[in-house]
């Protein structure tokens, strides 16, 4: 079976008859193992001792940057919650990385799902915001063409801008050893944003004069709207709040448009079980 993703190629060889079992959380000593993303088809129905080959930039990174050697631990993920552990098979040569799979686990869907509507910002602040939000665990990121956004995605820039954010989110998820890659959606206008707000279980719009945010629900979708450098226009404020968003403050100081999103995401996730410590009971139960 062969599949492609961008400039990378993923091939699977040598299936065995042994079914792949569910794996526990990675051990503490395995948390530094690099993660490489593959197409979902690569891990669908994967089996023990299966060989996965990765070509392209990831193969170069493994050999020239990480300097991986045969037998070193590696994780492979489809970016949608499935994670396989394995080991480097043979010496990476910069052109091809071979990984022999060992175990596979499917992480439960993350809940609540957190959706950040990020207004376009100037310079590299938007890129940095996407990077940080992906590292923190944002589920969906929606670029927003606000009226006061200095940056404009028009014409070919619409697809190019989204692709850039997708690449940044993917690399950040890889660096932070996640099995999930944020879904960067198409550029949204105010009508699109209001539709997302109306469908949410909790929707917040950041406002330095807003109130303290209410309790975050355990399930469902939580939406947070982050405005541009000049703030949302009066018409945008009215539309978003009419759609059901609650004005929420992050404190008395005014944060940059590229800083507010990651800070808000941190506040939201800190109220959920997603950031709860791993259970010491289950870990102790595995000890002799």
C-alpha atoms as a PDB file:
ATOM      1  CA  UNK A   1       0.000   0.000   0.000  1.00  0.00           C
ATOM      2  CA  UNK A   2       1.356   3.424  -0.850  1.00  0.00           C
ATOM      3  CA  UNK A   3       0.064   6.889  -0.108  1.00  0.00           C
ATOM      4  CA  UNK A   4       1.334  10.423  -0.422  1.00  0.00           C
ATOM      5  CA  UNK A   5       1.044  13.557   1.684  1.00  0.00           C
ATOM      6  CA  UNK A   6       2.500  16.727   0.249  1.00  0.00           C
ATOM      7  CA  UNK A   7       6.162  16.092  -0.586  1.00  0.00           C
ATOM      8  CA  UNK A   8       6.333  12.965   1.574  1.00  0.00           C
ATOM      9  CA  UNK A   9       5.767   9.358   0.573  1.00  0.00           C
ATOM     10  CA  UNK A  10       4.667   6.604   2.962  1.00  0.00           C
ATOM     11  CA  UNK A  11       4.928   2.922   2.060  1.00  0.00           C
ATOM     12  CA  UNK A  12       3.869  -0.060   4.132  1.00  0.00           C
ATOM     13  CA  UNK A  13       5.422  -3.511   3.835  1.00  0.00           C
ATOM     14  CA  UNK A  14       5.475  -6.910   5.481  1.00  0.00           C
ATOM     15  CA  UNK A  15       2.200  -7.342   7.308  1.00  0.00           C
ATOM     16  CA  UNK A  16       2.113 -10.146   9.837  1.00  0.00           C
ATOM     17  CA  UNK A  17      -0.862 -12.154  11.015  1.00  0.00           C
ATOM     18  CA  UNK A  18      -0.492 -10.854  14.587  1.00  0.00           C
ATOM     19  CA  UNK A  19      -3.127  -8.180  15.322  1.00  0.00           C
ATOM     20  CA  UNK A  20      -1.974  -4.858  16.635  1.00  0.00           C
ATOM     21  CA  UNK A  21      -3.117  -4.405  20.224  1.00  0.00           C
ATOM     22  CA  UNK A  22      -4.017  -1.330  22.163  1.00  0.00           C
ATOM     23  CA  UNK A  23      -1.007   0.311  23.752  1.00  0.00           C
ATOM     24  CA  UNK A  24      -0.802   2.186  27.079  1.00  0.00           C
ATOM     25  CA  UNK A  25       0.337   5.771  27.325  1.00  0.00           C
ATOM     26  CA  UNK A  26       4.005   6.156  26.349  1.00  0.00           C
ATOM     27  CA  UNK A  27       6.361   5.636  29.255  1.00  0.00           C
ATOM     28  CA  UNK A  28       8.154   8.653  30.657  1.00  0.00           C
ATOM     29  CA  UNK A  29      11.443   7.514  29.079  1.00  0.00           C
ATOM     30  CA  UNK A  30       9.731   7.466  25.653  1.00  0.00           C
ATOM     31  CA  UNK A  31       8.394  11.020  25.681  1.00  0.00           C
ATOM     32  CA  UNK A  32      11.354  12.313  23.670  1.00  0.00           C
ATOM     33  CA  UNK A  33      10.768   9.882  20.791  1.00  0.00           C
ATOM     34  CA  UNK A  34      10.148  11.916  17.615  1.00  0.00           C
ATOM     35  CA  UNK A  35       6.717  11.818  15.991  1.00  0.00           C
ATOM     36  CA  UNK A  36       6.270  11.501  12.236  1.00  0.00           C
ATOM     37  CA  UNK A  37       2.882  12.021  10.604  1.00  0.00           C
ATOM     38  CA  UNK A  38       1.561   9.784   7.834  1.00  0.00           C
ATOM     39  CA  UNK A  39      -1.690   9.554   5.917  1.00  0.00           C
ATOM     40  CA  UNK A  40      -4.565   7.904   7.747  1.00  0.00           C
ATOM     41  CA  UNK A  41      -4.564   5.007   5.289  1.00  0.00           C
ATOM     42  CA  UNK A  42      -1.067   4.001   6.403  1.00  0.00           C
ATOM     43  CA  UNK A  43      -2.119   3.105   9.949  1.00  0.00           C
ATOM     44  CA  UNK A  44      -5.625   1.873   9.092  1.00  0.00           C
ATOM     45  CA  UNK A  45      -5.589  -1.821   9.947  1.00  0.00           C
ATOM     46  CA  UNK A  46      -1.888  -1.720  10.791  1.00  0.00           C
ATOM     47  CA  UNK A  47      -0.318  -4.835  12.322  1.00  0.00           C
ATOM     48  CA  UNK A  48       2.669  -5.679  14.490  1.00  0.00           C
ATOM     49  CA  UNK A  49       6.039  -5.846  12.729  1.00  0.00           C
ATOM     50  CA  UNK A  50       4.678  -3.859   9.816  1.00  0.00           C
ATOM     51  CA  UNK A  51       7.331  -1.772   8.057  1.00  0.00           C
ATOM     52  CA  UNK A  52       6.599   1.860   7.235  1.00  0.00           C
ATOM     53  CA  UNK A  53       8.866   3.863   4.964  1.00  0.00           C
ATOM     54  CA  UNK A  54       8.921   7.649   5.065  1.00  0.00           C
ATOM     55  CA  UNK A  55      10.608   9.742   2.400  1.00  0.00           C
ATOM     56  CA  UNK A  56      11.057  13.463   1.867  1.00  0.00           C
ATOM     57  CA  UNK A  57      11.801  16.171   4.450  1.00  0.00           C
ATOM     58  CA  UNK A  58      11.034  13.887   7.403  1.00  0.00           C
ATOM     59  CA  UNK A  59      13.605  11.352   6.229  1.00  0.00           C
ATOM     60  CA  UNK A  60      16.169  14.121   5.875  1.00  0.00           C
ATOM     61  CA  UNK A  61      15.285  15.454   9.335  1.00  0.00           C
ATOM     62  CA  UNK A  62      15.652  12.000  10.889  1.00  0.00           C
ATOM     63  CA  UNK A  63      19.114  11.422   9.431  1.00  0.00           C
ATOM     64  CA  UNK A  64      20.649  14.888   9.366  1.00  0.00           C
ATOM     65  CA  UNK A  65      18.971  16.728  12.247  1.00  0.00           C
ATOM     66  CA  UNK A  66      17.841  14.090  14.744  1.00  0.00           C
ATOM     67  CA  UNK A  67      20.676  11.754  13.680  1.00  0.00           C
ATOM     68  CA  UNK A  68      18.544   8.723  14.438  1.00  0.00           C
ATOM     69  CA  UNK A  69      20.177   5.317  14.490  1.00  0.00           C
ATOM     70  CA  UNK A  70      18.863   1.808  14.033  1.00  0.00           C
ATOM     71  CA  UNK A  71      16.750   0.637  16.974  1.00  0.00           C
ATOM     72  CA  UNK A  72      15.891   4.097  18.307  1.00  0.00           C
ATOM     73  CA  UNK A  73      12.279   4.658  19.379  1.00  0.00           C
ATOM     74  CA  UNK A  74       9.999   6.498  16.968  1.00  0.00           C
ATOM     75  CA  UNK A  75       6.278   7.296  16.967  1.00  0.00           C
ATOM     76  CA  UNK A  76       4.100   7.370  13.855  1.00  0.00           C
ATOM     77  CA  UNK A  77       0.716   9.107  13.880  1.00  0.00           C
ATOM     78  CA  UNK A  78      -2.056   9.862  11.435  1.00  0.00           C
ATOM     79  CA  UNK A  79      -2.708  13.244  13.065  1.00  0.00           C
ATOM     80  CA  UNK A  80      -6.223  12.140  14.007  1.00  0.00           C
ATOM     81  CA  UNK A  81      -5.592  10.331  17.283  1.00  0.00           C
ATOM     82  CA  UNK A  82      -3.904   7.115  16.143  1.00  0.00           C
ATOM     83  CA  UNK A  83      -0.344   6.653  17.351  1.00  0.00           C
ATOM     84  CA  UNK A  84       1.986   3.733  16.634  1.00  0.00           C
ATOM     85  CA  UNK A  85       5.214   3.103  18.480  1.00  0.00           C
ATOM     86  CA  UNK A  86       8.117   1.539  16.700  1.00  0.00           C
ATOM     87  CA  UNK A  87      11.847   1.559  16.099  1.00  0.00           C
ATOM     88  CA  UNK A  88      14.119   2.693  13.306  1.00  0.00           C
ATOM     89  CA  UNK A  89      14.844  -0.221  10.954  1.00  0.00           C
ATOM     90  CA  UNK A  90      18.242   0.082   9.305  1.00  0.00           C
ATOM     91  CA  UNK A  91      20.341   3.216   9.178  1.00  0.00           C
ATOM     92  CA  UNK A  92      18.526   6.357   7.916  1.00  0.00           C
ATOM     93  CA  UNK A  93      20.294   7.769   4.868  1.00  0.00           C
ATOM     94  CA  UNK A  94      18.498  11.074   4.451  1.00  0.00           C
ATOM     95  CA  UNK A  95      16.340   9.776   1.616  1.00  0.00           C
ATOM     96  CA  UNK A  96      14.350   7.070   3.383  1.00  0.00           C
ATOM     97  CA  UNK A  97      13.373   6.367   6.990  1.00  0.00           C
ATOM     98  CA  UNK A  98      12.233   2.817   7.735  1.00  0.00           C
ATOM     99  CA  UNK A  99      10.207   2.173  10.894  1.00  0.00           C
ATOM    100  CA  UNK A 100       9.204  -1.241  12.220  1.00  0.00           C
ATOM    101  CA  UNK A 101       5.899  -0.815  14.089  1.00  0.00           C
ATOM    102  CA  UNK A 102       5.429  -2.327  17.511  1.00  0.00           C
ATOM    103  CA  UNK A 103       2.164  -1.230  19.149  1.00  0.00           C
ATOM    104  CA  UNK A 104      -0.691   1.054  18.246  1.00  0.00           C
ATOM    105  CA  UNK A 105      -3.163   3.068  20.318  1.00  0.00           C
ATOM    106  CA  UNK A 106      -6.169   5.148  19.391  1.00  0.00           C
ATOM    107  CA  UNK A 107      -6.659   8.160  21.614  1.00  0.00           C
ATOM    108  CA  UNK A 108     -10.220   9.132  22.436  1.00  0.00           C
ATOM    109  CA  UNK A 109     -11.530  12.269  20.771  1.00  0.00           C
ATOM    110  CA  UNK A 110     -10.505  15.275  22.809  1.00  0.00           C
ATOM    111  CA  UNK A 111     -13.305  16.947  24.697  1.00  0.00           C
ATOM    112  CA  UNK A 112     -14.292  19.657  24.834  1.00  0.00           C
ATOM    113  CA  UNK A 113     -13.204  20.532  21.335  1.00  0.00           C
ATOM    114  CA  UNK A 114     -11.647  24.001  21.319  1.00  0.00           C
ATOM    115  CA  UNK A 115     -12.057  26.179  18.238  1.00  0.00           C
ATOM    116  CA  UNK A 116     -10.026  29.372  17.948  1.00  0.00           C
ATOM    117  CA  UNK A 117     -11.154  32.023  15.491  1.00  0.00           C
ATOM    118  CA  UNK A 118      -7.951  33.982  14.893  1.00  0.00           C
ATOM    119  CA  UNK A 119      -8.123  37.304  13.053  1.00  0.00           C
ATOM    120  CA  UNK A 120      -5.338  37.827  10.522  1.00  0.00           C
ATOM    121  CA  UNK A 121      -2.421  39.741  12.041  1.00  0.00           C
ATOM    122  CA  UNK A 122       0.565  41.526  10.547  1.00  0.00           C
ATOM    123  CA  UNK A 123       4.134  40.283  10.485  1.00  0.00           C
ATOM    124  CA  UNK A 124       5.008  36.910  11.935  1.00  0.00           C
ATOM    125  CA  UNK A 125       2.702  37.321  14.940  1.00  0.00           C
ATOM    126  CA  UNK A 126      -0.043  35.279  13.329  1.00  0.00           C
ATOM    127  CA  UNK A 127       2.392  32.476  12.505  1.00  0.00           C
ATOM    128  CA  UNK A 128       3.683  32.438  16.073  1.00  0.00           C
ATOM    129  CA  UNK A 129       0.135  32.381  17.436  1.00  0.00           C
ATOM    130  CA  UNK A 130      -0.724  29.353  15.283  1.00  0.00           C
ATOM    131  CA  UNK A 131       2.439  27.597  16.405  1.00  0.00           C
ATOM    132  CA  UNK A 132       1.723  28.128  20.091  1.00  0.00           C
ATOM    133  CA  UNK A 133      -1.953  27.200  19.836  1.00  0.00           C
ATOM    134  CA  UNK A 134      -1.067  23.997  18.010  1.00  0.00           C
ATOM    135  CA  UNK A 135       1.486  23.115  20.691  1.00  0.00           C
ATOM    136  CA  UNK A 136      -1.078  23.782  23.413  1.00  0.00           C
ATOM    137  CA  UNK A 137      -3.715  21.570  21.806  1.00  0.00           C
ATOM    138  CA  UNK A 138      -6.144  23.662  19.757  1.00  0.00           C
ATOM    139  CA  UNK A 139      -8.475  21.397  17.793  1.00  0.00           C
ATOM    140  CA  UNK A 140      -9.651  23.820  15.105  1.00  0.00           C
ATOM    141  CA  UNK A 141      -8.136  27.118  13.971  1.00  0.00           C
ATOM    142  CA  UNK A 142     -10.170  29.424  11.741  1.00  0.00           C
ATOM    143  CA  UNK A 143      -8.440  32.350  10.032  1.00  0.00           C
ATOM    144  CA  UNK A 144     -10.711  35.386  10.174  1.00  0.00           C
ATOM    145  CA  UNK A 145     -10.679  38.297   7.717  1.00  0.00           C
ATOM    146  CA  UNK A 146     -11.782  40.986  10.165  1.00  0.00           C
ATOM    147  CA  UNK A 147     -12.615  44.486   8.964  1.00  0.00           C
ATOM    148  CA  UNK A 148      -9.641  46.004  10.789  1.00  0.00           C
ATOM    149  CA  UNK A 149      -7.114  43.310   9.914  1.00  0.00           C
ATOM    150  CA  UNK A 150      -4.050  44.954   8.390  1.00  0.00           C
ATOM    151  CA  UNK A 151      -3.151  41.778   6.519  1.00  0.00           C
ATOM    152  CA  UNK A 152      -5.416  40.706   3.662  1.00  0.00           C
ATOM    153  CA  UNK A 153      -5.578  37.298   2.057  1.00  0.00           C
ATOM    154  CA  UNK A 154      -6.875  37.811  -1.457  1.00  0.00           C
ATOM    155  CA  UNK A 155      -6.583  35.850  -4.669  1.00  0.00           C
ATOM    156  CA  UNK A 156      -3.817  33.257  -4.516  1.00  0.00           C
ATOM    157  CA  UNK A 157      -2.950  34.399  -0.987  1.00  0.00           C
ATOM    158  CA  UNK A 158      -6.130  32.776   0.357  1.00  0.00           C
ATOM    159  CA  UNK A 159      -4.960  29.232  -0.355  1.00  0.00           C
ATOM    160  CA  UNK A 160      -1.300  30.076   0.291  1.00  0.00           C
ATOM    161  CA  UNK A 161      -2.072  31.581   3.695  1.00  0.00           C
ATOM    162  CA  UNK A 162      -4.139  28.618   4.781  1.00  0.00           C
ATOM    163  CA  UNK A 163      -1.477  26.182   3.571  1.00  0.00           C
ATOM    164  CA  UNK A 164       1.150  28.092   5.556  1.00  0.00           C
ATOM    165  CA  UNK A 165      -0.926  27.904   8.735  1.00  0.00           C
ATOM    166  CA  UNK A 166      -1.563  24.199   8.119  1.00  0.00           C
ATOM    167  CA  UNK A 167       2.169  23.551   7.787  1.00  0.00           C
ATOM    168  CA  UNK A 168       2.954  25.534  10.929  1.00  0.00           C
ATOM    169  CA  UNK A 169       0.263  23.690  12.910  1.00  0.00           C
ATOM    170  CA  UNK A 170       1.467  20.299  11.679  1.00  0.00           C
ATOM    171  CA  UNK A 171       5.090  20.965  12.593  1.00  0.00           C
ATOM    172  CA  UNK A 172       4.103  22.330  16.002  1.00  0.00           C
ATOM    173  CA  UNK A 173       1.973  19.254  16.714  1.00  0.00           C
ATOM    174  CA  UNK A 174       4.898  17.068  15.689  1.00  0.00           C
ATOM    175  CA  UNK A 175       7.333  18.966  17.907  1.00  0.00           C
ATOM    176  CA  UNK A 176       5.000  18.696  20.897  1.00  0.00           C
ATOM    177  CA  UNK A 177       4.645  14.912  20.369  1.00  0.00           C
ATOM    178  CA  UNK A 178       0.890  14.969  19.742  1.00  0.00           C
ATOM    179  CA  UNK A 179      -1.259  12.460  17.918  1.00  0.00           C
ATOM    180  CA  UNK A 180      -3.606  15.237  16.768  1.00  0.00           C
ATOM    181  CA  UNK A 181      -2.996  17.954  14.193  1.00  0.00           C
ATOM    182  CA  UNK A 182      -5.245  21.044  14.397  1.00  0.00           C
ATOM    183  CA  UNK A 183      -7.727  21.468  11.585  1.00  0.00           C
ATOM    184  CA  UNK A 184      -6.961  24.798   9.920  1.00  0.00           C
ATOM    185  CA  UNK A 185     -10.150  25.723   8.112  1.00  0.00           C
ATOM    186  CA  UNK A 186     -10.691  28.062   5.132  1.00  0.00           C
ATOM    187  CA  UNK A 187     -10.622  31.823   5.545  1.00  0.00           C
ATOM    188  CA  UNK A 188     -13.811  33.018   7.250  1.00  0.00           C
ATOM    189  CA  UNK A 189     -15.752  36.263   7.065  1.00  0.00           C
ATOM    190  CA  UNK A 190     -18.038  37.638   9.762  1.00  0.00           C
ATOM    191  CA  UNK A 191     -21.022  35.580   8.595  1.00  0.00           C
ATOM    192  CA  UNK A 192     -18.957  32.384   8.815  1.00  0.00           C
ATOM    193  CA  UNK A 193     -17.754  33.310  12.291  1.00  0.00           C
ATOM    194  CA  UNK A 194     -21.297  33.977  13.506  1.00  0.00           C
ATOM    195  CA  UNK A 195     -22.343  30.560  12.225  1.00  0.00           C
ATOM    196  CA  UNK A 196     -19.542  28.911  14.222  1.00  0.00           C
ATOM    197  CA  UNK A 197     -20.543  30.899  17.315  1.00  0.00           C
ATOM    198  CA  UNK A 198     -24.198  29.889  17.035  1.00  0.00           C
ATOM    199  CA  UNK A 199     -23.275  26.198  16.811  1.00  0.00           C
ATOM    200  CA  UNK A 200     -20.991  26.264  19.880  1.00  0.00           C
ATOM    201  CA  UNK A 201     -21.824  25.001  23.355  1.00  0.00           C
ATOM    202  CA  UNK A 202     -19.855  27.964  24.714  1.00  0.00           C
ATOM    203  CA  UNK A 203     -18.636  30.916  22.648  1.00  0.00           C
ATOM    204  CA  UNK A 204     -16.347  33.655  23.918  1.00  0.00           C
ATOM    205  CA  UNK A 205     -15.128  36.852  22.278  1.00  0.00           C
ATOM    206  CA  UNK A 206     -12.097  38.462  23.887  1.00  0.00           C
ATOM    207  CA  UNK A 207     -12.664  41.941  25.280  1.00  0.00           C
ATOM    208  CA  UNK A 208     -10.444  43.782  27.765  1.00  0.00           C
ATOM    209  CA  UNK A 209     -13.640  45.239  29.264  1.00  0.00           C
ATOM    210  CA  UNK A 210     -15.445  41.895  29.321  1.00  0.00           C
ATOM    211  CA  UNK A 211     -16.426  39.760  32.259  1.00  0.00           C
ATOM    212  CA  UNK A 212     -14.703  36.743  33.733  1.00  0.00           C
ATOM    213  CA  UNK A 213     -15.289  33.741  31.495  1.00  0.00           C
ATOM    214  CA  UNK A 214     -17.931  31.248  32.669  1.00  0.00           C
ATOM    215  CA  UNK A 215     -17.156  27.632  33.492  1.00  0.00           C
ATOM    216  CA  UNK A 216     -15.998  25.581  30.514  1.00  0.00           C
ATOM    217  CA  UNK A 217     -18.264  22.629  29.649  1.00  0.00           C
ATOM    218  CA  UNK A 218     -16.835  19.114  29.806  1.00  0.00           C
ATOM    219  CA  UNK A 219     -18.247  18.173  26.414  1.00  0.00           C
ATOM    220  CA  UNK A 220     -19.063  19.893  23.157  1.00  0.00           C
ATOM    221  CA  UNK A 221     -17.469  22.783  21.306  1.00  0.00           C
ATOM    222  CA  UNK A 222     -15.877  25.829  22.916  1.00  0.00           C
ATOM    223  CA  UNK A 223     -15.250  28.741  20.534  1.00  0.00           C
ATOM    224  CA  UNK A 224     -13.026  31.724  21.240  1.00  0.00           C
ATOM    225  CA  UNK A 225     -12.903  34.703  18.865  1.00  0.00           C
ATOM    226  CA  UNK A 226      -9.673  36.724  18.785  1.00  0.00           C
ATOM    227  CA  UNK A 227      -9.813  40.102  17.067  1.00  0.00           C
ATOM    228  CA  UNK A 228      -7.110  41.910  15.032  1.00  0.00           C
ATOM    229  CA  UNK A 229      -4.641  44.599  16.147  1.00  0.00           C
ATOM    230  CA  UNK A 230      -7.204  47.365  15.885  1.00  0.00           C
ATOM    231  CA  UNK A 231      -9.926  45.337  17.552  1.00  0.00           C
ATOM    232  CA  UNK A 232     -13.235  44.231  16.133  1.00  0.00           C
ATOM    233  CA  UNK A 233     -15.418  46.854  14.465  1.00  0.00           C
ATOM    234  CA  UNK A 234     -18.676  47.866  16.191  1.00  0.00           C
ATOM    235  CA  UNK A 235     -20.639  45.939  13.559  1.00  0.00           C
ATOM    236  CA  UNK A 236     -18.553  42.812  14.180  1.00  0.00           C
ATOM    237  CA  UNK A 237     -19.012  43.126  17.944  1.00  0.00           C
ATOM    238  CA  UNK A 238     -22.759  43.369  17.558  1.00  0.00           C
ATOM    239  CA  UNK A 239     -22.956  40.458  15.138  1.00  0.00           C
ATOM    240  CA  UNK A 240     -20.796  38.116  17.219  1.00  0.00           C
ATOM    241  CA  UNK A 241     -22.545  38.893  20.493  1.00  0.00           C
ATOM    242  CA  UNK A 242     -25.966  38.645  18.848  1.00  0.00           C
ATOM    243  CA  UNK A 243     -24.933  35.182  17.632  1.00  0.00           C
ATOM    244  CA  UNK A 244     -24.421  34.194  21.263  1.00  0.00           C
ATOM    245  CA  UNK A 245     -20.799  34.937  22.194  1.00  0.00           C
ATOM    246  CA  UNK A 246     -19.982  36.141  25.692  1.00  0.00           C
ATOM    247  CA  UNK A 247     -17.472  38.980  26.122  1.00  0.00           C
ATOM    248  CA  UNK A 248     -14.588  37.616  28.183  1.00  0.00           C
ATOM    249  CA  UNK A 249     -11.560  39.392  29.599  1.00  0.00           C
ATOM    250  CA  UNK A 250      -8.066  37.960  30.048  1.00  0.00           C
ATOM    251  CA  UNK A 251      -7.186  40.643  32.576  1.00  0.00           C
ATOM    252  CA  UNK A 252      -6.590  44.399  32.764  1.00  0.00           C
ATOM    253  CA  UNK A 253      -3.739  44.525  30.233  1.00  0.00           C
ATOM    254  CA  UNK A 254      -4.166  44.743  26.473  1.00  0.00           C
ATOM    255  CA  UNK A 255      -2.541  41.752  24.768  1.00  0.00           C
ATOM    256  CA  UNK A 256      -1.278  41.685  21.215  1.00  0.00           C
ATOM    257  CA  UNK A 257      -3.512  39.957  18.695  1.00  0.00           C
ATOM    258  CA  UNK A 258      -0.882  37.224  18.338  1.00  0.00           C
ATOM    259  CA  UNK A 259      -0.639  36.694  22.103  1.00  0.00           C
ATOM    260  CA  UNK A 260      -4.293  36.713  23.134  1.00  0.00           C
ATOM    261  CA  UNK A 261      -5.224  33.456  21.378  1.00  0.00           C
ATOM    262  CA  UNK A 262      -2.605  31.247  23.080  1.00  0.00           C
ATOM    263  CA  UNK A 263      -3.360  32.851  26.464  1.00  0.00           C
ATOM    264  CA  UNK A 264      -7.100  32.301  26.038  1.00  0.00           C
ATOM    265  CA  UNK A 265      -6.530  28.710  24.943  1.00  0.00           C
ATOM    266  CA  UNK A 266      -4.410  28.104  28.040  1.00  0.00           C
ATOM    267  CA  UNK A 267      -7.155  29.485  30.283  1.00  0.00           C
ATOM    268  CA  UNK A 268      -9.783  27.303  28.593  1.00  0.00           C
ATOM    269  CA  UNK A 269      -7.792  24.061  28.642  1.00  0.00           C
ATOM    270  CA  UNK A 270      -6.722  24.580  32.255  1.00  0.00           C
ATOM    271  CA  UNK A 271     -10.399  24.198  33.216  1.00  0.00           C
ATOM    272  CA  UNK A 272     -10.796  20.879  31.415  1.00  0.00           C
ATOM    273  CA  UNK A 273      -9.811  17.288  32.088  1.00  0.00           C
ATOM    274  CA  UNK A 274      -7.600  17.376  29.011  1.00  0.00           C
ATOM    275  CA  UNK A 275      -4.805  18.865  31.102  1.00  0.00           C
ATOM    276  CA  UNK A 276      -5.444  16.663  34.134  1.00  0.00           C
ATOM    277  CA  UNK A 277      -2.395  14.715  35.358  1.00  0.00           C
ATOM    278  CA  UNK A 278      -2.179  11.105  34.261  1.00  0.00           C
ATOM    279  CA  UNK A 279      -3.682   8.702  36.760  1.00  0.00           C
ATOM    280  CA  UNK A 280      -1.038   7.345  39.116  1.00  0.00           C
ATOM    281  CA  UNK A 281      -3.340   4.415  39.944  1.00  0.00           C
ATOM    282  CA  UNK A 282      -3.199   2.906  36.456  1.00  0.00           C
ATOM    283  CA  UNK A 283       0.557   3.367  36.294  1.00  0.00           C
ATOM    284  CA  UNK A 284       1.109   1.712  39.676  1.00  0.00           C
ATOM    285  CA  UNK A 285      -1.095  -1.154  38.596  1.00  0.00           C
ATOM    286  CA  UNK A 286       1.438  -2.047  35.900  1.00  0.00           C
ATOM    287  CA  UNK A 287       4.313  -2.312  38.332  1.00  0.00           C
ATOM    288  CA  UNK A 288       5.342  -5.732  39.670  1.00  0.00           C
END
